[in-house]
Protein backbone atom coordinates (compact mmCIF):
# COMPACT_ATOMS: atom_id res chain seq x y z
CA MET A 1 38.11 2.17 -0.09
CA VAL A 2 35.27 3.17 -2.36
CA ALA A 3 35.40 -0.02 -4.40
CA THR A 4 35.67 -2.28 -1.37
CA ALA A 5 32.64 -0.77 0.35
CA ILE A 6 30.43 -1.02 -2.71
CA LEU A 7 31.61 -4.53 -3.51
CA ALA A 8 30.69 -5.53 0.02
CA ALA A 9 27.26 -3.97 -0.32
CA LEU A 10 26.58 -5.88 -3.52
CA ALA A 11 27.88 -9.10 -2.01
CA LEU A 12 25.34 -8.79 0.78
CA LEU A 13 22.54 -8.00 -1.64
CA LEU A 14 23.25 -10.47 -4.38
CA GLY A 15 25.33 -13.18 -2.76
CA THR A 16 28.31 -12.43 -5.00
CA ALA A 17 31.81 -13.79 -4.67
CA ALA A 18 35.06 -11.94 -4.02
CA PHE A 19 36.14 -9.58 -6.76
CA GLY A 20 39.44 -9.15 -8.55
CA PRO A 21 40.59 -6.21 -10.70
CA ALA A 22 38.95 -5.94 -14.09
CA GLU A 23 40.87 -6.56 -17.27
CA PRO A 24 41.97 -3.46 -19.21
CA ALA A 25 39.79 -2.51 -22.17
CA SER A 26 39.61 0.21 -24.75
CA ALA A 27 35.99 1.13 -24.08
CA ALA A 28 34.04 2.34 -21.07
CA VAL A 29 32.13 -0.91 -20.88
CA ALA A 30 33.83 -4.27 -20.76
CA ALA A 31 35.35 -5.48 -24.01
CA GLY A 32 36.98 -8.82 -24.62
CA LYS A 33 36.68 -9.91 -20.99
CA PRO A 34 37.27 -13.58 -20.18
CA VAL A 35 34.32 -15.91 -20.45
CA LYS A 36 32.83 -16.29 -16.97
CA PRO A 37 31.06 -19.34 -15.59
CA PRO A 38 27.26 -19.14 -15.67
CA LYS A 39 25.24 -18.53 -12.56
CA PRO A 40 23.88 -21.59 -10.74
CA GLY A 41 20.87 -22.95 -12.58
CA GLY A 42 22.12 -21.68 -15.92
CA SER A 43 20.68 -18.17 -15.63
CA THR A 44 22.45 -15.29 -17.32
CA GLU A 45 24.52 -12.55 -15.74
CA LEU A 46 22.73 -9.59 -14.21
CA GLU A 47 23.03 -6.51 -16.38
CA TYR A 48 24.77 -3.75 -14.45
CA ALA A 49 25.02 0.03 -15.01
CA ALA A 50 27.15 2.61 -13.20
CA VAL A 51 26.49 6.35 -13.14
CA GLY A 52 27.81 9.32 -11.21
CA ASP A 53 30.92 11.39 -10.67
CA SER A 54 34.69 10.80 -10.45
CA PHE A 55 34.36 8.36 -7.55
CA ALA A 56 32.26 6.16 -9.84
CA ALA A 57 34.40 6.81 -12.92
CA GLY A 58 37.53 5.84 -11.00
CA VAL A 59 39.70 8.89 -11.62
CA GLY A 60 43.02 8.29 -9.88
CA GLY A 61 42.90 4.57 -10.64
CA GLY A 62 44.99 4.73 -13.81
CA SER A 63 44.53 2.57 -16.94
CA TYR A 64 42.00 5.03 -18.32
CA LEU A 65 39.45 3.98 -20.90
CA ASP A 66 38.99 7.55 -22.12
CA THR A 67 40.35 11.06 -21.50
CA SER A 68 37.04 12.91 -21.49
CA CYS A 69 35.63 11.39 -18.29
CA TYR A 70 38.71 9.50 -17.05
CA ARG A 71 36.85 6.23 -16.55
CA SER A 72 39.33 3.73 -15.19
CA ALA A 73 39.71 0.02 -15.87
CA ASN A 74 40.37 -0.19 -12.11
CA SER A 75 37.16 1.56 -11.09
CA TYR A 76 34.63 -0.20 -8.90
CA PRO A 77 32.19 -0.66 -11.84
CA ARG A 78 34.89 -2.52 -13.77
CA GLN A 79 35.77 -4.57 -10.69
CA LEU A 80 32.11 -5.51 -10.32
CA ASP A 81 32.04 -6.45 -13.99
CA ALA A 82 34.70 -9.07 -13.27
CA ASP A 83 32.24 -10.98 -11.08
CA ALA A 84 30.59 -14.02 -12.59
CA ASN A 85 27.14 -12.71 -11.68
CA LYS A 86 27.25 -9.31 -13.35
CA ARG A 87 27.93 -7.78 -16.73
CA LEU A 88 28.63 -4.06 -17.08
CA VAL A 89 26.42 -2.90 -19.93
CA SER A 90 26.40 0.86 -19.28
CA PHE A 91 29.20 2.95 -17.77
CA PRO A 92 28.51 6.65 -18.43
CA ALA A 93 29.90 7.84 -15.06
CA CYS A 94 32.05 10.91 -15.63
CA THR A 95 34.55 12.94 -13.64
CA GLY A 96 33.04 16.25 -12.56
CA ALA A 97 29.42 15.15 -12.98
CA SER A 98 26.81 16.83 -10.82
CA THR A 99 23.27 15.59 -10.24
CA VAL A 100 22.22 17.37 -13.45
CA GLU A 101 24.88 15.65 -15.57
CA THR A 102 24.09 12.35 -13.87
CA LEU A 103 20.47 12.68 -14.96
CA ALA A 104 21.74 12.90 -18.53
CA GLN A 105 23.84 9.76 -17.93
CA ILE A 106 20.80 7.85 -16.69
CA ALA A 107 19.00 8.54 -19.95
CA THR A 108 21.66 6.45 -21.72
CA ILE A 109 21.78 3.35 -19.52
CA SER A 110 20.21 0.04 -20.48
CA THR A 111 16.57 -0.21 -19.47
CA THR A 112 17.08 -3.89 -18.65
CA ALA A 113 19.83 -3.28 -16.08
CA LYS A 114 19.12 -5.21 -12.88
CA VAL A 115 21.75 -3.40 -10.77
CA VAL A 116 22.58 0.30 -10.88
CA THR A 117 25.20 2.00 -8.72
CA VAL A 118 25.41 5.77 -8.31
CA THR A 119 27.85 8.07 -6.55
CA VAL A 120 26.70 11.66 -6.81
CA GLY A 121 26.33 14.90 -4.87
CA GLY A 122 29.94 15.83 -4.20
CA ASN A 123 30.21 18.18 -7.14
CA ASP A 124 26.90 19.84 -6.27
CA VAL A 125 28.30 20.86 -2.88
CA GLY A 126 31.56 22.12 -4.37
CA PHE A 127 34.00 19.28 -3.66
CA SER A 128 36.49 20.60 -6.23
CA ASN A 129 36.37 24.11 -4.72
CA VAL A 130 37.15 22.73 -1.27
CA MET A 131 40.02 20.59 -2.57
CA ARG A 132 41.45 23.53 -4.49
CA ASN A 133 41.06 26.23 -1.84
CA CYS A 134 41.89 24.12 1.22
CA PHE A 135 44.49 21.63 0.02
CA ALA A 136 45.81 22.00 -3.53
CA PHE A 137 46.15 25.78 -3.47
CA PRO A 138 45.27 26.87 0.11
CA SER A 139 43.70 30.30 0.25
CA ASP A 140 41.48 32.55 2.34
CA SER A 141 38.53 31.10 0.43
CA CYS A 142 38.84 27.71 2.15
CA GLN A 143 36.40 28.29 5.00
CA SER A 144 33.85 29.98 2.76
CA SER A 145 34.08 27.04 0.34
CA ILE A 146 33.40 24.59 3.16
CA ASP A 147 30.54 26.71 4.50
CA ALA A 148 28.99 27.05 1.05
CA GLY A 149 29.11 23.29 0.55
CA ALA A 150 27.57 22.65 3.96
CA ALA A 151 24.74 25.07 3.22
CA ILE A 152 24.00 23.34 -0.08
CA ALA A 153 24.05 19.88 1.53
CA ALA A 154 21.56 21.06 4.16
CA SER A 155 19.19 22.54 1.61
CA GLN A 156 15.94 20.99 0.42
CA ALA A 157 16.99 21.79 -3.15
CA PHE A 158 19.99 19.45 -2.82
CA ARG A 159 17.86 16.68 -1.34
CA ASP A 160 15.44 17.07 -4.21
CA LYS A 161 18.26 16.77 -6.74
CA VAL A 162 19.60 13.56 -5.19
CA ALA A 163 16.07 12.17 -4.99
CA GLY A 164 15.58 13.11 -8.63
CA VAL A 165 18.60 11.04 -9.63
CA ILE A 166 17.35 7.97 -7.75
CA THR A 167 13.84 8.38 -9.12
CA ALA A 168 15.21 8.72 -12.65
CA ILE A 169 17.12 5.44 -12.26
CA ARG A 170 13.98 3.68 -11.09
CA THR A 171 11.95 5.15 -13.90
CA ARG A 172 14.55 4.08 -16.44
CA THR A 173 14.89 0.51 -15.16
CA GLU A 174 12.51 -2.33 -14.41
CA PRO A 175 10.69 -2.57 -11.04
CA ASP A 176 12.93 -5.33 -9.72
CA ALA A 177 16.18 -3.48 -10.45
CA LYS A 178 18.37 -2.81 -7.41
CA VAL A 179 19.72 0.71 -6.89
CA ILE A 180 22.84 1.15 -4.77
CA VAL A 181 23.57 4.72 -3.67
CA ALA A 182 27.17 5.13 -2.51
CA GLY A 183 28.42 7.72 -0.05
CA TYR A 184 31.86 9.33 0.05
CA PRO A 185 34.96 8.24 2.02
CA LEU A 186 36.67 10.34 4.66
CA LEU A 187 39.80 11.52 2.91
CA PHE A 188 41.96 12.40 5.90
CA HIS A 189 43.35 10.52 8.86
CA LEU A 190 42.84 12.19 12.24
CA ASN A 191 45.00 11.49 15.28
CA SER A 192 43.74 10.71 18.78
CA SER A 193 43.08 14.42 19.31
CA GLY A 194 40.84 14.57 16.26
CA VAL A 195 43.23 16.59 14.09
CA ASN A 196 45.46 16.04 11.09
CA THR A 197 48.85 17.61 11.68
CA ARG A 198 49.50 18.09 7.96
CA TYR A 199 46.24 19.64 6.79
CA GLN A 200 44.55 22.36 8.82
CA TRP A 201 41.08 21.76 7.43
CA ALA A 202 41.11 17.95 7.39
CA ASP A 203 38.89 17.42 10.42
CA GLU A 204 36.27 19.87 9.20
CA VAL A 205 36.20 18.37 5.71
CA ASN A 206 35.82 14.88 7.21
CA ALA A 207 32.99 16.11 9.41
CA GLU A 208 31.17 17.72 6.51
CA THR A 209 31.62 14.51 4.50
CA VAL A 210 29.81 12.60 7.24
CA VAL A 211 26.99 15.15 7.09
CA LEU A 212 26.84 14.82 3.30
CA ASN A 213 26.66 11.02 3.56
CA ASN A 214 23.88 11.25 6.13
CA VAL A 215 21.85 13.46 3.81
CA ILE A 216 22.38 11.17 0.81
CA GLU A 217 21.46 8.11 2.86
CA SER A 218 18.30 9.67 4.25
CA VAL A 219 17.21 10.69 0.77
CA ALA A 220 17.92 7.21 -0.61
CA VAL A 221 15.98 5.51 2.17
CA GLY A 222 13.06 7.90 1.85
CA THR A 223 12.47 7.66 -1.88
CA GLY A 224 10.03 4.76 -1.82
CA ARG A 225 11.24 1.48 -3.21
CA PRO A 226 14.28 0.53 -1.14
CA SER A 227 17.68 1.89 -2.13
CA TRP A 228 20.77 0.40 -0.56
CA THR A 229 23.35 2.86 0.62
CA SER A 230 27.00 1.94 0.88
CA ARG A 231 28.47 4.09 3.65
CA MET A 232 32.20 4.80 3.70
CA THR A 233 32.75 6.81 6.86
CA SER A 234 35.79 5.23 8.51
CA PRO A 235 38.83 7.52 8.51
CA VAL A 236 41.77 6.19 6.56
CA THR A 237 45.43 7.16 6.52
CA ALA A 238 45.17 8.04 2.85
CA SER A 239 41.91 7.53 1.05
CA ALA A 240 41.86 5.29 -1.97
CA VAL A 241 39.99 7.18 -4.65
CA ALA A 242 39.05 4.29 -6.83
CA ALA A 243 41.41 1.36 -6.74
CA ARG A 244 44.18 -0.34 -4.86
CA GLY A 245 47.32 1.79 -4.64
CA SER A 246 45.53 5.01 -5.60
CA TRP A 247 45.95 7.76 -3.04
CA ILE A 248 44.94 11.36 -2.58
CA GLY A 249 46.35 14.37 -0.77
CA CYS A 250 49.98 13.51 -0.11
CA THR A 251 53.37 14.92 -1.03
CA SER A 252 56.78 13.64 -2.05
CA THR A 253 60.39 14.15 -1.16
CA GLY A 254 63.48 14.20 -3.32
CA THR A 255 65.01 16.43 -5.99
CA PRO A 256 64.37 15.82 -9.68
CA ARG A 257 67.50 14.79 -11.49
CA SER A 258 66.60 16.08 -14.93
CA ILE A 259 64.02 18.12 -16.78
CA ARG A 260 63.71 18.46 -20.52
CA ARG A 261 61.25 19.22 -23.25
CA ARG A 262 60.02 16.06 -24.93
CA PRO A 263 60.68 16.00 -28.67
CA GLY A 264 57.65 16.00 -30.95
CA THR A 265 54.37 17.79 -30.87
CA ARG A 266 52.06 16.48 -28.20
CA HIS A 267 52.13 13.86 -25.45
CA THR A 268 49.01 12.64 -23.66
CA PRO A 269 49.74 11.04 -20.27
CA THR A 270 48.23 7.57 -20.10
CA ARG A 271 47.86 7.49 -16.32
CA SER A 272 46.85 9.90 -13.65
CA ALA A 273 48.91 10.24 -10.51
CA ARG A 274 48.88 7.56 -7.87
CA PHE A 275 50.81 8.93 -4.96
CA PRO A 276 51.15 7.37 -1.49
CA CYS A 277 51.57 9.32 1.72
CA PRO A 278 55.11 9.30 3.13
CA ASP A 279 54.08 7.10 6.06
CA ALA A 280 52.77 4.40 3.73
CA GLY A 281 56.29 2.95 3.54
CA ARG A 282 58.59 1.93 0.76
CA GLU A 283 57.20 -1.60 0.61
CA GLN A 284 53.85 -0.23 -0.44
CA ASN A 285 55.54 1.95 -3.06
CA ARG A 286 56.75 -1.16 -4.87
CA GLU A 287 53.14 -2.22 -5.36
CA MET A 288 52.21 1.08 -6.96
CA ASP A 289 52.80 2.61 -10.35
CA LEU A 290 55.04 5.61 -9.74
CA SER A 291 56.03 6.06 -13.36
CA SER A 292 53.55 8.70 -14.47
CA PHE A 293 52.08 11.84 -12.89
CA GLY A 294 50.88 13.64 -15.99
CA VAL A 295 49.42 17.15 -15.86
CA ARG A 296 48.43 19.83 -18.33
CA ALA A 297 48.09 23.63 -18.45
CA THR A 298 46.01 25.11 -21.25
CA ALA A 299 44.88 28.54 -22.43
CA GLY A 300 43.26 30.33 -25.35
CA THR A 301 41.79 28.19 -28.11
CA LEU A 302 43.41 25.09 -26.56
CA ARG A 303 41.94 25.78 -23.11
CA ALA A 304 40.53 22.58 -21.58
CA ALA A 305 37.03 22.43 -20.15
CA ASP A 306 37.97 20.77 -16.88
CA GLY A 307 40.48 21.67 -14.18
CA VAL A 308 41.42 24.52 -11.88
CA THR A 309 41.05 27.95 -13.50
CA LEU A 310 43.80 30.41 -12.60
CA ASP A 311 43.87 34.12 -13.36
CA HIS A 312 46.52 34.98 -15.94
CA VAL A 313 47.95 38.25 -17.17
CA TRP A 314 48.11 37.12 -20.81
CA THR A 315 44.57 35.71 -21.19
CA ASP A 316 41.18 37.09 -20.19
CA GLU A 317 39.69 33.62 -19.62
CA GLY A 318 42.56 32.42 -17.45
CA VAL A 319 44.58 29.21 -17.55
CA VAL A 320 43.11 25.78 -16.81
CA ALA A 321 45.43 23.46 -14.89
CA ALA A 322 44.73 19.80 -14.06
CA PRO A 323 44.98 17.58 -12.20
CA ALA A 324 46.27 18.96 -8.89
CA THR A 325 45.41 16.42 -6.22
CA ASN A 326 48.88 15.65 -4.89
CA GLY A 327 52.40 16.97 -4.57
CA ALA A 328 53.78 15.19 -7.64
CA GLN A 329 51.18 16.80 -9.86
CA VAL A 330 51.71 20.22 -8.28
CA LEU A 331 55.45 19.91 -8.92
CA HIS A 332 54.83 19.06 -12.56
CA LEU A 333 52.20 21.79 -12.88
CA SER A 334 54.79 24.34 -11.76
CA VAL A 335 56.80 23.37 -14.82
CA ALA A 336 53.81 23.37 -17.18
CA LEU A 337 52.50 26.73 -15.95
CA CYS A 338 55.92 28.32 -16.14
CA ILE A 339 56.42 27.13 -19.72
CA LEU A 340 52.94 28.37 -20.66
CA ASN A 341 53.49 31.79 -19.09
CA ASP A 342 56.94 32.23 -20.59
CA THR A 343 55.70 31.16 -24.01
CA TYR A 344 53.19 34.00 -23.99
CA ARG A 345 55.85 36.42 -22.76
CA GLU A 346 58.48 35.42 -25.30
CA ALA A 347 55.92 35.37 -28.11
CA ASP A 348 55.04 38.95 -27.27
CA ARG A 349 58.71 39.89 -27.28
CA LEU A 350 59.32 38.18 -30.63
CA GLY A 351 56.15 39.53 -32.23
CA ILE A 352 54.55 36.09 -32.67
CA GLU A 353 50.78 35.89 -32.31
CA LEU A 354 49.38 32.97 -30.33
CA ALA A 355 45.74 31.85 -30.27
CA GLY A 356 46.22 29.01 -27.80
CA ILE A 357 48.74 27.00 -25.83
CA ALA A 358 48.67 23.54 -24.25
CA VAL A 359 51.60 22.36 -22.13
CA GLU A 360 51.76 18.83 -20.78
CA ALA A 361 54.32 17.69 -18.21
CA ASP A 362 54.95 14.20 -16.91
CA GLY A 363 57.44 12.25 -14.85
CA GLY A 364 57.82 9.53 -12.27
CA PHE A 365 59.52 8.63 -9.01
CA THR A 366 61.62 5.81 -7.65
CA ASP A 367 60.62 3.83 -4.57
CA ALA A 368 62.78 6.26 -2.58
CA TRP A 369 60.74 9.19 -3.94
CA ARG A 370 63.50 10.53 -6.10
CA SER A 371 62.29 12.02 -9.36
CA THR A 372 63.27 10.12 -12.47
CA GLY A 373 62.99 13.35 -14.45
CA ILE A 374 60.33 15.62 -15.88
CA GLU A 375 59.44 15.90 -19.55
CA TYR A 376 57.12 18.43 -21.13
CA SER A 377 55.59 19.08 -24.54
CA VAL A 378 54.15 22.28 -25.99
CA THR A 379 51.31 22.52 -28.50
CA LEU A 380 50.75 25.95 -30.10
CA ASP A 381 47.81 27.31 -32.08
CA SER A 382 49.34 30.01 -34.25
CA THR A 383 49.52 31.22 -37.85
CA ALA A 384 53.26 31.82 -37.48
CA SER A 385 55.69 29.80 -39.56
CA ALA A 386 57.18 26.55 -38.30
CA ASP A 387 60.59 28.23 -38.08
CA ASP A 388 59.21 31.06 -35.95
CA LEU A 389 57.46 28.65 -33.62
CA GLU A 390 60.59 26.57 -33.17
CA ARG A 391 62.53 29.78 -32.47
CA LEU A 392 59.89 30.60 -29.82
CA ARG A 393 60.16 27.17 -28.20
CA ALA A 394 63.94 27.42 -28.07
CA ALA A 395 63.74 30.85 -26.45
CA VAL A 396 61.37 29.56 -23.79
CA ASP A 397 63.56 26.53 -23.10
CA ALA A 398 66.46 28.87 -22.43
CA VAL A 399 64.72 31.29 -20.06
CA ALA A 400 61.95 29.35 -18.26
CA GLU A 401 62.66 29.96 -14.58
CA ILE A 402 61.08 26.94 -12.88
CA PRO A 403 62.73 24.32 -15.10
CA ARG A 404 66.06 26.11 -14.65
CA ALA A 405 65.62 26.13 -10.86
CA ILE A 406 64.71 22.43 -10.75
CA ARG A 407 67.65 21.50 -12.97
CA ALA A 408 69.99 23.37 -10.66
CA GLY A 409 68.51 21.75 -7.55
CA ALA A 410 67.75 23.51 -4.29
CA PRO A 411 67.81 22.62 -0.60
CA VAL A 412 64.34 22.49 1.01
CA SER A 413 63.99 22.88 4.77
CA ARG A 414 61.35 23.81 7.33
CA LEU A 415 61.71 27.02 9.31
CA GLY A 416 61.36 26.78 13.07
């Protein structure tokens, strides 16, 4: 796991104790944490800063401190903050951050930080494109996405960008500050033949991840004052993105029992999906939060900045859907996207002008992977009257094909 590897690296460097999960807070940095015992000799805690992308922010870990970067209370920076020897003073890590955005993060961290962790580079080489084109929505663009990422990772320009991040941290902090550069985990388990029977591109993505880690490590080691690199290159059955019980790349079984539009205007899911692979076993499911797999689909003036952009007949800019890292989210996105599409269609039929739409869908699963139901909410940006908009929502509820199909239930079987 990402957190485990980095915690181990810091333990070796600083002689720290075992770590437990951090307490929830309402801010990116620790707030209202329990008073911790002082370090031996009465010295104060080491100030700690964490920068980088989603692996540093902890997306997938749940208990989010914000919805702009999806920093998690279960992220490895927050787990490190729980140690008696460290105090998290700066936590600008943000989902989707590249080396350029990480440079901007570094400019905000405390100059007195004695420990700085950074996970960066994945977005520069197109991690999201590979996940989208090879796993979330497999397409003919998969191989080209992998090849493009490999070419970037092998380039001197990429090495320079990673080196620039490390140098910026050193410039920002004092000479005795320790910089820990984290690599990326292998996301997919491979069998004894070196393949993953579920995902065609798993072995190649794992291999390219190893290459990426090698590049990042060599840059970190070669930048002058020592950087410590936490390598996470052991294949795992299902990679933990940021915290215990947080999994990526798996699907569910079972038929949803109900689907309905949630009353009210807008619902913001409080957790992202945490979704174990089927072979993880029901015992493990009981240790995980299966109650919320929130997603959103947005377009027009309500179009979100982050997510997968899909071409759409009703909008020139396309629809942004997110997140889509596992089967539960994809199931819920099918509902959200259908509602969004049918809202545009029915609005056109009824002569109602729409500037923007945001549809959010959420639901959970039992330990047996049976859906507990799906709820969705629709937010509309329109000058139409409240009565007209309610008439539009009712029309969509009546005709939306995917919700109707899920309500009716359908057998699912493999051919051959």
